[in-house]
C-alpha atoms as a PDB file:
ATOM      1  CA  MET A   1      44.190 112.398-312.795  1.00  0.00           C
ATOM      2  CA  ASP A   2      43.399 112.553-316.397  1.00  0.00           C
ATOM      3  CA  ALA A   3      40.457 110.156-316.051  1.00  0.00           C
ATOM      4  CA  ALA A   4      39.446 111.911-312.902  1.00  0.00           C
ATOM      5  CA  GLY A   5      38.784 115.374-314.956  1.00  0.00           C
ATOM      6  CA  SER A   6      39.593 118.968-315.068  1.00  0.00           C
ATOM      7  CA  GLU A   7      37.088 119.140-312.032  1.00  0.00           C
ATOM      8  CA  VAL A   8      39.174 116.946-309.480  1.00  0.00           C
ATOM      9  CA  ALA A   9      42.560 118.975-311.012  1.00  0.00           C
ATOM     10  CA  ASN A  10      41.113 122.211-310.308  1.00  0.00           C
ATOM     11  CA  GLU A  11      40.051 121.288-306.543  1.00  0.00           C
ATOM     12  CA  CYS A  12      44.000 119.835-305.900  1.00  0.00           C
ATOM     13  CA  ALA A  13      45.052 123.256-307.391  1.00  0.00           C
ATOM     14  CA  GLN A  14      42.822 124.951-304.893  1.00  0.00           C
ATOM     15  CA  TYR A  15      44.032 122.966-302.061  1.00  0.00           C
ATOM     16  CA  ALA A  16      47.422 122.666-302.626  1.00  0.00           C
ATOM     17  CA  GLY A  17      49.427 123.659-299.531  1.00  0.00           C
ATOM     18  CA  GLN A  18      46.532 123.219-297.139  1.00  0.00           C
ATOM     19  CA  TYR A  19      46.772 119.819-296.729  1.00  0.00           C
ATOM     20  CA  GLN A  20      46.568 117.986-293.360  1.00  0.00           C
ATOM     21  CA  ASN A  21      47.998 114.680-292.238  1.00  0.00           C
ATOM     22  CA  GLY A  22      49.676 113.982-295.368  1.00  0.00           C
ATOM     23  CA  PHE A  23      46.541 114.094-297.738  1.00  0.00           C
ATOM     24  CA  ILE A  24      43.751 116.137-299.507  1.00  0.00           C
ATOM     25  CA  THR A  25      40.239 115.177-300.318  1.00  0.00           C
ATOM     26  CA  THR A  26      38.563 116.038-303.240  1.00  0.00           C
ATOM     27  CA  ARG A  27      35.112 114.718-305.298  1.00  0.00           C
ATOM     28  CA  GLY A  28      35.413 111.695-307.271  1.00  0.00           C
ATOM     29  CA  GLY A  29      35.082 113.815-310.939  1.00  0.00           C
ATOM     30  CA  ASN A  30      34.534 111.087-313.597  1.00  0.00           C
ATOM     31  CA  LEU A  31      35.557 108.218-311.540  1.00  0.00           C
ATOM     32  CA  SER A  32      33.200 105.832-310.179  1.00  0.00           C
ATOM     33  CA  CYS A  33      33.636 107.059-306.558  1.00  0.00           C
ATOM     34  CA  SER A  34      32.524 109.570-304.459  1.00  0.00           C
ATOM     35  CA  ARG A  35      35.850 111.021-303.073  1.00  0.00           C
ATOM     36  CA  ILE A  36      39.562 110.998-303.952  1.00  0.00           C
ATOM     37  CA  ILE A  37      42.240 111.152-301.070  1.00  0.00           C
ATOM     38  CA  HIS A  38      45.213 112.247-302.777  1.00  0.00           C
ATOM     39  CA  LEU A  39      48.599 111.248-300.825  1.00  0.00           C
ATOM     40  CA  ILE A  40      51.409 113.439-300.574  1.00  0.00           C
ATOM     41  CA  THR A  41      54.606 111.570-301.666  1.00  0.00           C
ATOM     42  CA  ASN A  42      56.555 109.959-299.052  1.00  0.00           C
ATOM     43  CA  ASN A  43      58.429 106.755-298.179  1.00  0.00           C
ATOM     44  CA  GLN A  44      56.068 105.753-294.794  1.00  0.00           C
ATOM     45  CA  VAL A  45      53.710 103.475-296.708  1.00  0.00           C
ATOM     46  CA  LYS A  46      52.238 101.947-293.545  1.00  0.00           C
ATOM     47  CA  SER A  47      51.601 105.177-291.909  1.00  0.00           C
ATOM     48  CA  GLN A  48      50.078 106.664-295.050  1.00  0.00           C
ATOM     49  CA  VAL A  49      47.887 103.585-295.579  1.00  0.00           C
ATOM     50  CA  SER A  50      46.858 103.908-291.849  1.00  0.00           C
ATOM     51  CA  LYS A  51      45.848 107.515-291.957  1.00  0.00           C
ATOM     52  CA  VAL A  52      43.447 106.918-294.950  1.00  0.00           C
ATOM     53  CA  LEU A  53      41.701 103.858-293.699  1.00  0.00           C
ATOM     54  CA  HIS A  54      41.052 106.154-290.042  1.00  0.00           C
ATOM     55  CA  GLU A  55      39.614 109.014-292.656  1.00  0.00           C
ATOM     56  CA  CYS A  56      37.568 106.632-294.193  1.00  0.00           C
ATOM     57  CA  GLU A  57      36.024 105.214-290.843  1.00  0.00           C
ATOM     58  CA  GLN A  58      35.740 108.728-289.356  1.00  0.00           C
ATOM     59  CA  ARG A  59      33.808 110.013-292.493  1.00  0.00           C
ATOM     60  CA  MET A  60      31.801 106.814-292.188  1.00  0.00           C
ATOM     61  CA  TYR A  61      33.020 105.587-295.759  1.00  0.00           C
ATOM     62  CA  LYS A  62      31.744 101.811-296.426  1.00  0.00           C
ATOM     63  CA  SER A  63      34.490 101.034-298.947  1.00  0.00           C
ATOM     64  CA  VAL A  64      38.007 102.152-300.216  1.00  0.00           C
ATOM     65  CA  ALA A  65      40.563 101.080-302.976  1.00  0.00           C
ATOM     66  CA  PHE A  66      44.312 101.818-302.796  1.00  0.00           C
ATOM     67  CA  PRO A  67      46.529 101.024-305.554  1.00  0.00           C
ATOM     68  CA  ALA A  68      50.049  99.568-304.671  1.00  0.00           C
ATOM     69  CA  ILE A  69      51.461 102.723-303.041  1.00  0.00           C
ATOM     70  CA  GLY A  70      55.356 103.454-304.116  1.00  0.00           C
ATOM     71  CA  THR A  71      55.376 100.998-306.572  1.00  0.00           C
ATOM     72  CA  GLY A  72      55.687 103.451-309.606  1.00  0.00           C
ATOM     73  CA  GLN A  73      57.919 106.674-309.433  1.00  0.00           C
ATOM     74  CA  ALA A  74      59.076 106.047-305.936  1.00  0.00           C
ATOM     75  CA  GLY A  75      60.802 102.822-306.938  1.00  0.00           C
ATOM     76  CA  GLN A  76      59.933 100.674-303.731  1.00  0.00           C
ATOM     77  CA  SER A  77      59.907  97.044-304.170  1.00  0.00           C
ATOM     78  CA  SER A  78      56.350  95.276-304.033  1.00  0.00           C
ATOM     79  CA  ALA A  79      57.297  93.054-301.386  1.00  0.00           C
ATOM     80  CA  LYS A  80      57.966  95.718-299.107  1.00  0.00           C
ATOM     81  CA  VAL A  81      54.951  97.814-300.081  1.00  0.00           C
ATOM     82  CA  ALA A  82      52.961  94.775-299.491  1.00  0.00           C
ATOM     83  CA  ASP A  83      54.042  94.173-295.906  1.00  0.00           C
ATOM     84  CA  GLU A  84      53.515  97.543-295.013  1.00  0.00           C
ATOM     85  CA  MET A  85      49.960  97.997-296.648  1.00  0.00           C
ATOM     86  CA  LEU A  86      48.643  94.935-295.156  1.00  0.00           C
ATOM     87  CA  ASP A  87      50.526  95.863-291.804  1.00  0.00           C
ATOM     88  CA  ALA A  88      48.280  98.886-291.865  1.00  0.00           C
ATOM     89  CA  ILE A  89      45.231  96.960-292.169  1.00  0.00           C
ATOM     90  CA  VAL A  90      45.639  94.172-290.057  1.00  0.00           C
ATOM     91  CA  GLU A  91      46.343  96.767-287.277  1.00  0.00           C
ATOM     92  CA  PHE A  92      43.046  98.496-288.378  1.00  0.00           C
ATOM     93  CA  ALA A  93      41.057  95.342-288.649  1.00  0.00           C
ATOM     94  CA  ARG A  94      42.203  94.639-284.894  1.00  0.00           C
ATOM     95  CA  GLN A  95      40.429  97.671-283.774  1.00  0.00           C
ATOM     96  CA  ARG A  96      36.668  97.007-282.346  1.00  0.00           C
ATOM     97  CA  SER A  97      35.933 100.440-282.666  1.00  0.00           C
ATOM     98  CA  VAL A  98      35.857  99.968-286.695  1.00  0.00           C
ATOM     99  CA  GLN A  99      31.760 100.150-287.458  1.00  0.00           C
ATOM    100  CA  HIS A 100      31.479 101.863-290.882  1.00  0.00           C
ATOM    101  CA  LEU A 101      34.388 100.689-293.384  1.00  0.00           C
ATOM    102  CA  GLN A 102      33.604  97.313-294.565  1.00  0.00           C
ATOM    103  CA  THR A 103      35.431  96.459-297.790  1.00  0.00           C
ATOM    104  CA  ILE A 104      39.229  97.366-298.535  1.00  0.00           C
ATOM    105  CA  LYS A 105      40.462  96.736-301.939  1.00  0.00           C
ATOM    106  CA  ILE A 106      44.177  96.803-303.282  1.00  0.00           C
ATOM    107  CA  VAL A 107      44.375  97.421-307.171  1.00  0.00           C
ATOM    108  CA  ILE A 108      47.153  95.783-308.550  1.00  0.00           C
ATOM    109  CA  PHE A 109      47.612  96.243-312.366  1.00  0.00           C
ATOM    110  CA  GLN A 110      50.851  94.459-312.762  1.00  0.00           C
ATOM    111  CA  ALA A 111      50.614  90.757-312.677  1.00  0.00           C
ATOM    112  CA  ASN A 112      54.205  90.186-311.132  1.00  0.00           C
ATOM    113  CA  MET A 113      53.194  92.093-307.860  1.00  0.00           C
ATOM    114  CA  LEU A 114      50.282  89.663-307.444  1.00  0.00           C
ATOM    115  CA  THR A 115      52.530  87.290-306.054  1.00  0.00           C
ATOM    116  CA  ASP A 116      54.117  89.369-303.615  1.00  0.00           C
ATOM    117  CA  PHE A 117      50.896  90.604-302.097  1.00  0.00           C
ATOM    118  CA  TYR A 118      49.236  87.111-301.958  1.00  0.00           C
ATOM    119  CA  GLU A 119      52.577  85.439-300.290  1.00  0.00           C
ATOM    120  CA  SER A 120      52.180  88.373-297.865  1.00  0.00           C
ATOM    121  CA  MET A 121      48.479  87.731-297.034  1.00  0.00           C
ATOM    122  CA  LYS A 122      49.517  84.165-296.766  1.00  0.00           C
ATOM    123  CA  LYS A 123      52.325  84.207-293.973  1.00  0.00           C
ATOM    124  CA  ARG A 124      50.010  86.565-291.922  1.00  0.00           C
ATOM    125  CA  GLU A 125      47.439  83.530-291.740  1.00  0.00           C
ATOM    126  CA  ASP A 126      50.060  81.372-290.471  1.00  0.00           C
ATOM    127  CA  SER A 127      51.805  83.543-288.312  1.00  0.00           C
ATOM    128  CA  ASP A 128      51.812  83.781-284.070  1.00  0.00           C
ATOM    129  CA  PHE A 129      49.688  87.259-284.672  1.00  0.00           C
ATOM    130  CA  TYR A 130      46.808  85.227-285.826  1.00  0.00           C
ATOM    131  CA  GLU A 131      47.241  82.853-282.727  1.00  0.00           C
ATOM    132  CA  SER A 132      47.368  86.037-280.696  1.00  0.00           C
ATOM    133  CA  MET A 133      43.982  87.228-282.210  1.00  0.00           C
ATOM    134  CA  LYS A 134      42.279  83.785-281.651  1.00  0.00           C
ATOM    135  CA  LYS A 135      43.414  83.966-278.003  1.00  0.00           C
ATOM    136  CA  ARG A 136      41.878  87.364-277.952  1.00  0.00           C
ATOM    137  CA  GLU A 137      38.461  86.042-279.310  1.00  0.00           C
ATOM    138  CA  ASP A 138      38.538  83.092-277.037  1.00  0.00           C
ATOM    139  CA  SER A 139      38.490  85.387-274.185  1.00  0.00           C
ATOM    140  CA  ASP A 140      35.142  87.157-275.512  1.00  0.00           C
ATOM    141  CA  SER A 141      32.437  85.126-275.813  1.00  0.00           C
ATOM    142  CA  SER A 142      30.862  87.939-277.236  1.00  0.00           C
ATOM    143  CA  THR A 143      32.765  87.648-280.509  1.00  0.00           C
ATOM    144  CA  THR A 144      30.980  85.905-283.345  1.00  0.00           C
ATOM    145  CA  GLU A 145      33.408  86.348-286.225  1.00  0.00           C
ATOM    146  CA  SER A 146      37.220  85.302-286.123  1.00  0.00           C
ATOM    147  CA  TRP A 147      39.521  88.156-286.785  1.00  0.00           C
ATOM    148  CA  LEU A 148      41.174  86.219-289.826  1.00  0.00           C
ATOM    149  CA  SER A 149      37.584  86.135-290.935  1.00  0.00           C
ATOM    150  CA  MET A 150      37.347  89.628-290.464  1.00  0.00           C
ATOM    151  CA  LEU A 151      40.341  90.547-292.245  1.00  0.00           C
ATOM    152  CA  LYS A 152      39.286  88.673-295.150  1.00  0.00           C
ATOM    153  CA  SER A 153      36.049  90.266-295.074  1.00  0.00           C
ATOM    154  CA  PHE A 154      37.689  93.622-295.526  1.00  0.00           C
ATOM    155  CA  PHE A 155      39.176  92.398-298.839  1.00  0.00           C
ATOM    156  CA  TRP A 156      36.551  90.203-300.443  1.00  0.00           C
ATOM    157  CA  GLY A 157      33.576  92.096-298.739  1.00  0.00           C
ATOM    158  CA  LYS A 158      30.826  90.365-296.259  1.00  0.00           C
ATOM    159  CA  LYS A 159      28.615  87.407-297.265  1.00  0.00           C
ATOM    160  CA  GLN A 160      24.856  88.307-297.411  1.00  0.00           C
ATOM    161  CA  SER A 161      23.175  86.231-294.705  1.00  0.00           C
ATOM    162  CA  SER A 162      21.710  83.793-297.203  1.00  0.00           C
ATOM    163  CA  GLU A 163      25.209  82.674-297.669  1.00  0.00           C
ATOM    164  CA  LYS A 164      25.261  81.582-294.267  1.00  0.00           C
ATOM    165  CA  LYS A 165      26.325  78.062-293.607  1.00  0.00           C
ATOM    166  CA  LYS A 166      23.635  75.793-291.511  1.00  0.00           C
ATOM    167  CA  PHE A 167      25.602  74.205-288.370  1.00  0.00           C
ATOM    168  CA  MET A 168      25.987  70.405-289.140  1.00  0.00           C
ATOM    169  CA  ILE A 169      25.645  68.016-286.653  1.00  0.00           C
ATOM    170  CA  LEU A 170      26.788  64.832-286.013  1.00  0.00           C
ATOM    171  CA  GLU A 171      25.136  61.795-283.906  1.00  0.00           C
ATOM    172  CA  LYS A 172      26.235  58.471-282.804  1.00  0.00           C
ATOM    173  CA  LYS A 173      24.415  56.068-280.786  1.00  0.00           C
ATOM    174  CA  VAL A 174      26.359  54.952-278.076  1.00  0.00           C
ATOM    175  CA  ASN A 175      26.084  51.532-276.709  1.00  0.00           C
ATOM    176  CA  LEU A 176      26.664  51.611-272.685  1.00  0.00           C
ATOM    177  CA  VAL A 177      28.371  48.888-270.735  1.00  0.00           C
ATOM    178  CA  THR A 178      27.034  47.965-267.427  1.00  0.00           C
ATOM    179  CA  PHE A 179      29.535  46.619-264.817  1.00  0.00           C
ATOM    180  CA  GLN A 180      27.846  44.508-262.071  1.00  0.00           C
ATOM    181  CA  ILE A 181      30.606  44.255-258.816  1.00  0.00           C
ATOM    182  CA  CYS A 182      30.293  41.758-256.246  1.00  0.00           C
ATOM    183  CA  GLY A 183      32.940  41.108-253.607  1.00  0.00           C
ATOM    184  CA  GLU A 184      33.948  39.922-250.215  1.00  0.00           C
ATOM    185  CA  SER A 185      33.820  43.316-248.807  1.00  0.00           C
ATOM    186  CA  GLN A 186      33.343  47.030-249.948  1.00  0.00           C
ATOM    187  CA  GLU A 187      37.070  47.531-250.009  1.00  0.00           C
ATOM    188  CA  LYS A 188      37.247  44.818-252.862  1.00  0.00           C
ATOM    189  CA  VAL A 189      34.569  46.181-254.519  1.00  0.00           C
ATOM    190  CA  ASP A 190      35.681  49.641-254.670  1.00  0.00           C
ATOM    191  CA  ALA A 191      39.421  48.146-255.671  1.00  0.00           C
ATOM    192  CA  THR A 192      37.886  46.318-258.471  1.00  0.00           C
ATOM    193  CA  GLU A 193      35.869  49.268-259.635  1.00  0.00           C
ATOM    194  CA  SER A 194      39.119  51.581-259.517  1.00  0.00           C
ATOM    195  CA  TRP A 195      40.972  48.537-261.456  1.00  0.00           C
ATOM    196  CA  ILE A 196      38.384  48.508-264.290  1.00  0.00           C
ATOM    197  CA  LYS A 197      38.532  52.328-264.667  1.00  0.00           C
ATOM    198  CA  ASP A 198      42.333  52.108-265.078  1.00  0.00           C
ATOM    199  CA  LEU A 199      42.253  49.897-267.684  1.00  0.00           C
ATOM    200  CA  ILE A 200      39.542  51.862-269.797  1.00  0.00           C
ATOM    201  CA  LEU A 201      41.361  54.947-269.261  1.00  0.00           C
ATOM    202  CA  LYS A 202      44.684  53.392-270.707  1.00  0.00           C
ATOM    203  CA  GLU A 203      43.080  52.707-273.792  1.00  0.00           C
ATOM    204  CA  GLN A 204      41.209  56.065-274.449  1.00  0.00           C
ATOM    205  CA  PHE A 205      42.565  59.290-275.802  1.00  0.00           C
ATOM    206  CA  GLU A 206      41.028  62.204-277.124  1.00  0.00           C
ATOM    207  CA  ASN A 207      42.600  64.516-279.882  1.00  0.00           C
ATOM    208  CA  THR A 208      41.389  68.013-280.911  1.00  0.00           C
ATOM    209  CA  ILE A 209      41.610  69.749-283.981  1.00  0.00           C
ATOM    210  CA  SER A 210      40.915  73.419-284.664  1.00  0.00           C
ATOM    211  CA  HIS A 211      41.217  75.390-287.839  1.00  0.00           C
ATOM    212  CA  GLU A 212      38.932  78.007-289.793  1.00  0.00           C
ATOM    213  CA  ALA A 213      38.633  75.226-292.515  1.00  0.00           C
ATOM    214  CA  ILE A 214      36.360  73.333-290.556  1.00  0.00           C
ATOM    215  CA  GLU A 215      33.640  76.075-290.901  1.00  0.00           C
ATOM    216  CA  SER A 216      33.433  75.079-294.535  1.00  0.00           C
ATOM    217  CA  PHE A 217      32.812  71.534-293.929  1.00  0.00           C
ATOM    218  CA  ASP A 218      29.537  70.540-295.897  1.00  0.00           C
ATOM    219  CA  GLU A 219      27.413  67.494-296.207  1.00  0.00           C
ATOM    220  CA  THR A 220      30.055  65.582-298.134  1.00  0.00           C
ATOM    221  CA  GLN A 221      32.720  66.159-295.093  1.00  0.00           C
ATOM    222  CA  ILE A 222      29.746  65.131-292.762  1.00  0.00           C
ATOM    223  CA  ALA A 223      29.323  61.774-294.437  1.00  0.00           C
ATOM    224  CA  ILE A 224      32.945  61.029-294.296  1.00  0.00           C
ATOM    225  CA  LEU A 225      32.997  61.725-290.316  1.00  0.00           C
ATOM    226  CA  GLU A 226      30.020  59.773-289.830  1.00  0.00           C
ATOM    227  CA  ASP A 227      31.638  56.981-291.826  1.00  0.00           C
ATOM    228  CA  LEU A 228      34.558  57.288-289.711  1.00  0.00           C
ATOM    229  CA  GLN A 229      32.487  56.691-286.404  1.00  0.00           C
ATOM    230  CA  ARG A 230      30.817  53.628-287.676  1.00  0.00           C
ATOM    231  CA  GLY A 231      33.850  51.972-288.831  1.00  0.00           C
ATOM    232  CA  LYS A 232      36.471  52.996-285.930  1.00  0.00           C
ATOM    233  CA  GLN A 233      35.841  52.894-281.997  1.00  0.00           C
ATOM    234  CA  VAL A 234      35.829  56.754-281.745  1.00  0.00           C
ATOM    235  CA  THR A 235      33.335  59.430-281.218  1.00  0.00           C
ATOM    236  CA  ILE A 236      33.335  62.534-283.291  1.00  0.00           C
ATOM    237  CA  GLU A 237      31.884  66.149-282.095  1.00  0.00           C
ATOM    238  CA  LEU A 238      31.856  69.166-284.161  1.00  0.00           C
ATOM    239  CA  LEU A 239      32.171  72.090-282.452  1.00  0.00           C
ATOM    240  CA  ASN A 240      31.451  74.405-285.230  1.00  0.00           C
ATOM    241  CA  LYS A 241      29.919  77.312-282.835  1.00  0.00           C
ATOM    242  CA  LEU A 242      33.360  77.975-281.400  1.00  0.00           C
ATOM    243  CA  SER A 243      36.084  80.153-283.292  1.00  0.00           C
ATOM    244  CA  PRO A 244      37.735  78.996-284.982  1.00  0.00           C
ATOM    245  CA  PRO A 245      35.613  75.590-285.017  1.00  0.00           C
ATOM    246  CA  GLN A 246      36.899  72.445-283.627  1.00  0.00           C
ATOM    247  CA  ILE A 247      36.513  68.771-284.133  1.00  0.00           C
ATOM    248  CA  LYS A 248      37.085  66.727-280.805  1.00  0.00           C
ATOM    249  CA  ILE A 249      37.936  63.112-281.425  1.00  0.00           C
ATOM    250  CA  SER A 250      37.848  60.620-278.413  1.00  0.00           C
ATOM    251  CA  GLY A 251      37.642  56.844-278.245  1.00  0.00           C
ATOM    252  CA  ILE A 252      40.747  53.981-278.371  1.00  0.00           C
ATOM    253  CA  SER A 253      44.211  55.736-278.742  1.00  0.00           C
ATOM    254  CA  ARG A 254      44.965  53.828-282.344  1.00  0.00           C
ATOM    255  CA  ASP A 255      41.757  54.661-283.757  1.00  0.00           C
ATOM    256  CA  VAL A 256      42.024  58.338-282.467  1.00  0.00           C
ATOM    257  CA  CYS A 257      45.194  58.717-284.212  1.00  0.00           C
ATOM    258  CA  SER A 258      44.268  57.245-287.698  1.00  0.00           C
ATOM    259  CA  VAL A 259      41.178  59.302-287.667  1.00  0.00           C
ATOM    260  CA  SER A 260      42.755  62.463-286.822  1.00  0.00           C
ATOM    261  CA  LEU A 261      45.320  61.959-289.756  1.00  0.00           C
ATOM    262  CA  GLU A 262      42.234  61.534-292.048  1.00  0.00           C
ATOM    263  CA  VAL A 263      40.484  64.577-290.737  1.00  0.00           C
ATOM    264  CA  GLN A 264      43.680  66.690-290.991  1.00  0.00           C
ATOM    265  CA  GLU A 265      44.054  65.498-294.459  1.00  0.00           C
ATOM    266  CA  MET A 266      40.220  66.920-295.008  1.00  0.00           C
ATOM    267  CA  VAL A 267      40.884  69.948-293.705  1.00  0.00           C
ATOM    268  CA  GLN A 268      44.396  70.595-295.434  1.00  0.00           C
ATOM    269  CA  GLN A 269      42.185  69.737-298.972  1.00  0.00           C
ATOM    270  CA  ILE A 270      39.867  72.695-298.081  1.00  0.00           C
ATOM    271  CA  ARG A 271      42.426  75.120-297.237  1.00  0.00           C
ATOM    272  CA  SER A 272      44.188  74.352-300.305  1.00  0.00           C
ATOM    273  CA  THR A 273      40.895  74.987-302.276  1.00  0.00           C
ATOM    274  CA  GLU A 274      40.441  78.060-300.449  1.00  0.00           C
ATOM    275  CA  GLU A 275      43.848  79.098-301.022  1.00  0.00           C
ATOM    276  CA  GLU A 276      43.525  78.498-304.814  1.00  0.00           C
ATOM    277  CA  GLN A 277      40.015  80.285-304.796  1.00  0.00           C
ATOM    278  CA  SER A 278      41.971  83.503-303.291  1.00  0.00           C
ATOM    279  CA  LYS A 279      44.202  83.135-305.841  1.00  0.00           C
ATOM    280  CA  ALA A 280      42.150  83.010-308.734  1.00  0.00           C
ATOM    281  CA  GLU A 281      39.888  85.699-307.519  1.00  0.00           C
ATOM    282  CA  LEU A 282      43.252  88.034-307.255  1.00  0.00           C
ATOM    283  CA  LEU A 283      44.039  86.855-310.927  1.00  0.00           C
ATOM    284  CA  TYR A 284      40.371  87.605-312.345  1.00  0.00           C
ATOM    285  CA  ASN A 285      40.835  91.326-310.962  1.00  0.00           C
ATOM    286  CA  LEU A 286      43.683  91.764-313.644  1.00  0.00           C
ATOM    287  CA  VAL A 287      42.745  89.913-316.648  1.00  0.00           C
ATOM    288  CA  GLU A 288      39.652  87.764-317.911  1.00  0.00           C
ATOM    289  CA  TRP A 289      39.385  85.250-320.289  1.00  0.00           C
ATOM    290  CA  ARG A 290      36.099  84.832-322.251  1.00  0.00           C
ATOM    291  CA  TYR A 291      34.415  82.290-324.861  1.00  0.00           C
ATOM    292  CA  PRO A 292      31.568  82.979-327.426  1.00  0.00           C
ATOM    293  CA  GLY A 293      28.143  83.192-325.815  1.00  0.00           C
ATOM    294  CA  SER A 294      25.214  83.581-327.663  1.00  0.00           C
ATOM    295  CA  ASN A 295      23.794  86.727-329.939  1.00  0.00           C
ATOM    296  CA  ASP A 296      27.629  87.858-330.631  1.00  0.00           C
ATOM    297  CA  SER A 297      28.323  88.189-326.683  1.00  0.00           C
ATOM    298  CA  PHE A 298      31.251  86.506-324.887  1.00  0.00           C
ATOM    299  CA  VAL A 299      30.852  84.616-321.301  1.00  0.00           C
ATOM    300  CA  ALA A 300      33.990  84.656-318.694  1.00  0.00           C
ATOM    301  CA  PHE A 301      35.423  81.578-317.735  1.00  0.00           C
ATOM    302  CA  ASN A 302      34.903  80.603-313.972  1.00  0.00           C
ATOM    303  CA  LYS A 303      37.723  82.130-312.062  1.00  0.00           C
ATOM    304  CA  LEU A 304      39.566  78.843-311.817  1.00  0.00           C
ATOM    305  CA  THR A 305      39.655  77.943-315.294  1.00  0.00           C
ATOM    306  CA  ASN A 306      40.514  81.869-315.759  1.00  0.00           C
ATOM    307  CA  MET A 307      43.560  81.409-313.692  1.00  0.00           C
ATOM    308  CA  LYS A 308      44.861  78.020-315.339  1.00  0.00           C
ATOM    309  CA  LEU A 309      44.621  79.913-318.803  1.00  0.00           C
ATOM    310  CA  GLU A 310      46.804  82.830-317.751  1.00  0.00           C
ATOM    311  CA  HIS A 311      49.178  80.802-315.761  1.00  0.00           C
ATOM    312  CA  ALA A 312      49.649  78.574-318.907  1.00  0.00           C
ATOM    313  CA  LYS A 313      50.210  81.721-320.963  1.00  0.00           C
ATOM    314  CA  MET A 314      52.650  83.612-318.496  1.00  0.00           C
ATOM    315  CA  ALA A 315      54.264  80.290-318.693  1.00  0.00           C
ATOM    316  CA  LYS A 316      54.775  80.103-322.546  1.00  0.00           C
ATOM    317  CA  LYS A 317      52.779  76.890-323.033  1.00  0.00           C
ATOM    318  CA  LEU A 318      51.504  76.420-326.176  1.00  0.00           C
ATOM    319  CA  TYR A 319      48.105  74.769-325.499  1.00  0.00           C
ATOM    320  CA  LEU A 320      45.979  73.957-322.739  1.00  0.00           C
ATOM    321  CA  LYS A 321      42.653  71.794-322.304  1.00  0.00           C
ATOM    322  CA  VAL A 322      39.606  73.313-320.789  1.00  0.00           C
ATOM    323  CA  LYS A 323      36.054  72.432-320.573  1.00  0.00           C
ATOM    324  CA  ILE A 324      33.579  74.933-322.269  1.00  0.00           C
ATOM    325  CA  ASN A 325      29.751  74.191-322.131  1.00  0.00           C
ATOM    326  CA  LYS A 326      30.698  70.662-320.916  1.00  0.00           C
ATOM    327  CA  LYS A 327      32.545  69.909-323.972  1.00  0.00           C
ATOM    328  CA  ASP A 328      36.529  69.555-324.399  1.00  0.00           C
ATOM    329  CA  TYR A 329      38.916  72.205-326.032  1.00  0.00           C
ATOM    330  CA  LYS A 330      42.157  72.357-327.009  1.00  0.00           C
ATOM    331  CA  VAL A 331      43.412  76.285-326.694  1.00  0.00           C
ATOM    332  CA  ASP A 332      45.688  77.457-328.689  1.00  0.00           C
ATOM    333  CA  LEU A 333      47.322  80.170-326.211  1.00  0.00           C
ATOM    334  CA  ASN A 334      49.342  81.993-329.150  1.00  0.00           C
ATOM    335  CA  THR A 335      46.260  82.564-331.351  1.00  0.00           C
ATOM    336  CA  LEU A 336      43.485  82.306-328.495  1.00  0.00           C
ATOM    337  CA  LYS A 337      41.412  79.713-330.640  1.00  0.00           C
ATOM    338  CA  ALA A 338      40.015  76.816-328.908  1.00  0.00           C
ATOM    339  CA  THR A 339      39.477  73.620-330.906  1.00  0.00           C
ATOM    340  CA  ASP A 340      36.979  71.000-329.749  1.00  0.00           C
ATOM    341  CA  ASP A 341      37.376  66.961-330.574  1.00  0.00           C
ATOM    342  CA  GLN A 342      35.167  67.139-333.881  1.00  0.00           C
ATOM    343  CA  GLY A 343      37.768  69.910-335.170  1.00  0.00           C
ATOM    344  CA  LYS A 344      35.237  72.871-334.491  1.00  0.00           C
ATOM    345  CA  THR A 345      37.112  76.070-333.655  1.00  0.00           C
ATOM    346  CA  ILE A 346      35.945  79.109-331.808  1.00  0.00           C
ATOM    347  CA  ASN A 347      37.614  82.673-330.763  1.00  0.00           C
ATOM    348  CA  LEU A 348      38.593  83.413-327.256  1.00  0.00           C
ATOM    349  CA  GLN A 349      39.476  86.734-326.131  1.00  0.00           C
ATOM    350  CA  ARG A 350      41.670  87.573-323.521  1.00  0.00           C
ATOM    351  CA  VAL A 351      40.837  90.905-321.730  1.00  0.00           C
ATOM    352  CA  THR A 352      42.892  93.020-319.449  1.00  0.00           C
ATOM    353  CA  LYS A 353      41.333  95.124-316.879  1.00  0.00           C
ATOM    354  CA  ASP A 354      42.026  98.585-316.039  1.00  0.00           C
ATOM    355  CA  GLU A 355      41.316 101.100-313.601  1.00  0.00           C
ATOM    356  CA  GLY A 356      38.158 102.603-315.262  1.00  0.00           C
ATOM    357  CA  LYS A 357      36.252  99.169-315.332  1.00  0.00           C
END
């Protein structure tokens, strides 16, 4: 309230006792927002978040930022609050009537709460809830964006069209084999044809792998798939227009099994990378590590290095090796000084972000 200024405080005093649905709305005052929604304290976090989201949609707001409601003076556990807030957001995201609200942010100032919120998001990705949303999606061909992607877009914002990935296409020449069957009678020819088909089918197998991470396959993964096609007796079909995207592998059973294992490993690697990026993004909203740039300015480390530095400091490690402008540096995490291989030392900055920035 102090940061918002006296104008907002006066509005709150004016509307006191006139609230509906458990909140009042004022102008943004000195804060960099158009409106502030003031919640009346209670322990129903999920209900409060849900009401605010519907209010924002009704008033055609494009974005909203929440604190970790109830974790301050109310004394609720951050794990419980994370579950309730994300439950409300997930239910809101499922509604097809949502048109205006595009970005939802949860602002967390305490580093120890970060894990609770991340784990709450993570367990939803693996839950039956997402499977049910995917099934809904499959039944509606007009749905062009997965519900999981939609939920992520509320937190990270929607990507611009220029960032859309072009569809990757796998091509393989198939050498056809022609059998010419001659026999004493049509009956024997038919029997031989049936016997040949049975032999072929006994050796054939098909496996389909579905996962959101397949959408992130780029030229590197496509090249690996093409090498697998050339080296194994399989055909690989990339169905990246489906939601979730799929990779269909068909061919000789033993090769299908070995190729499937390699594809699943590729998917897991991408998934692990995306999870690391999500963790780094969350942590970057709390603290930023910087190194000297030009003209006495400081430059922010990339988000993954930022996360490594912060985790090392939180773990009370003494040193960490990083790269700055393609050179190796050894960072003293107590003095925040970095030394290169030639003994040159530079000063780093560790900046904790607050609500006003």
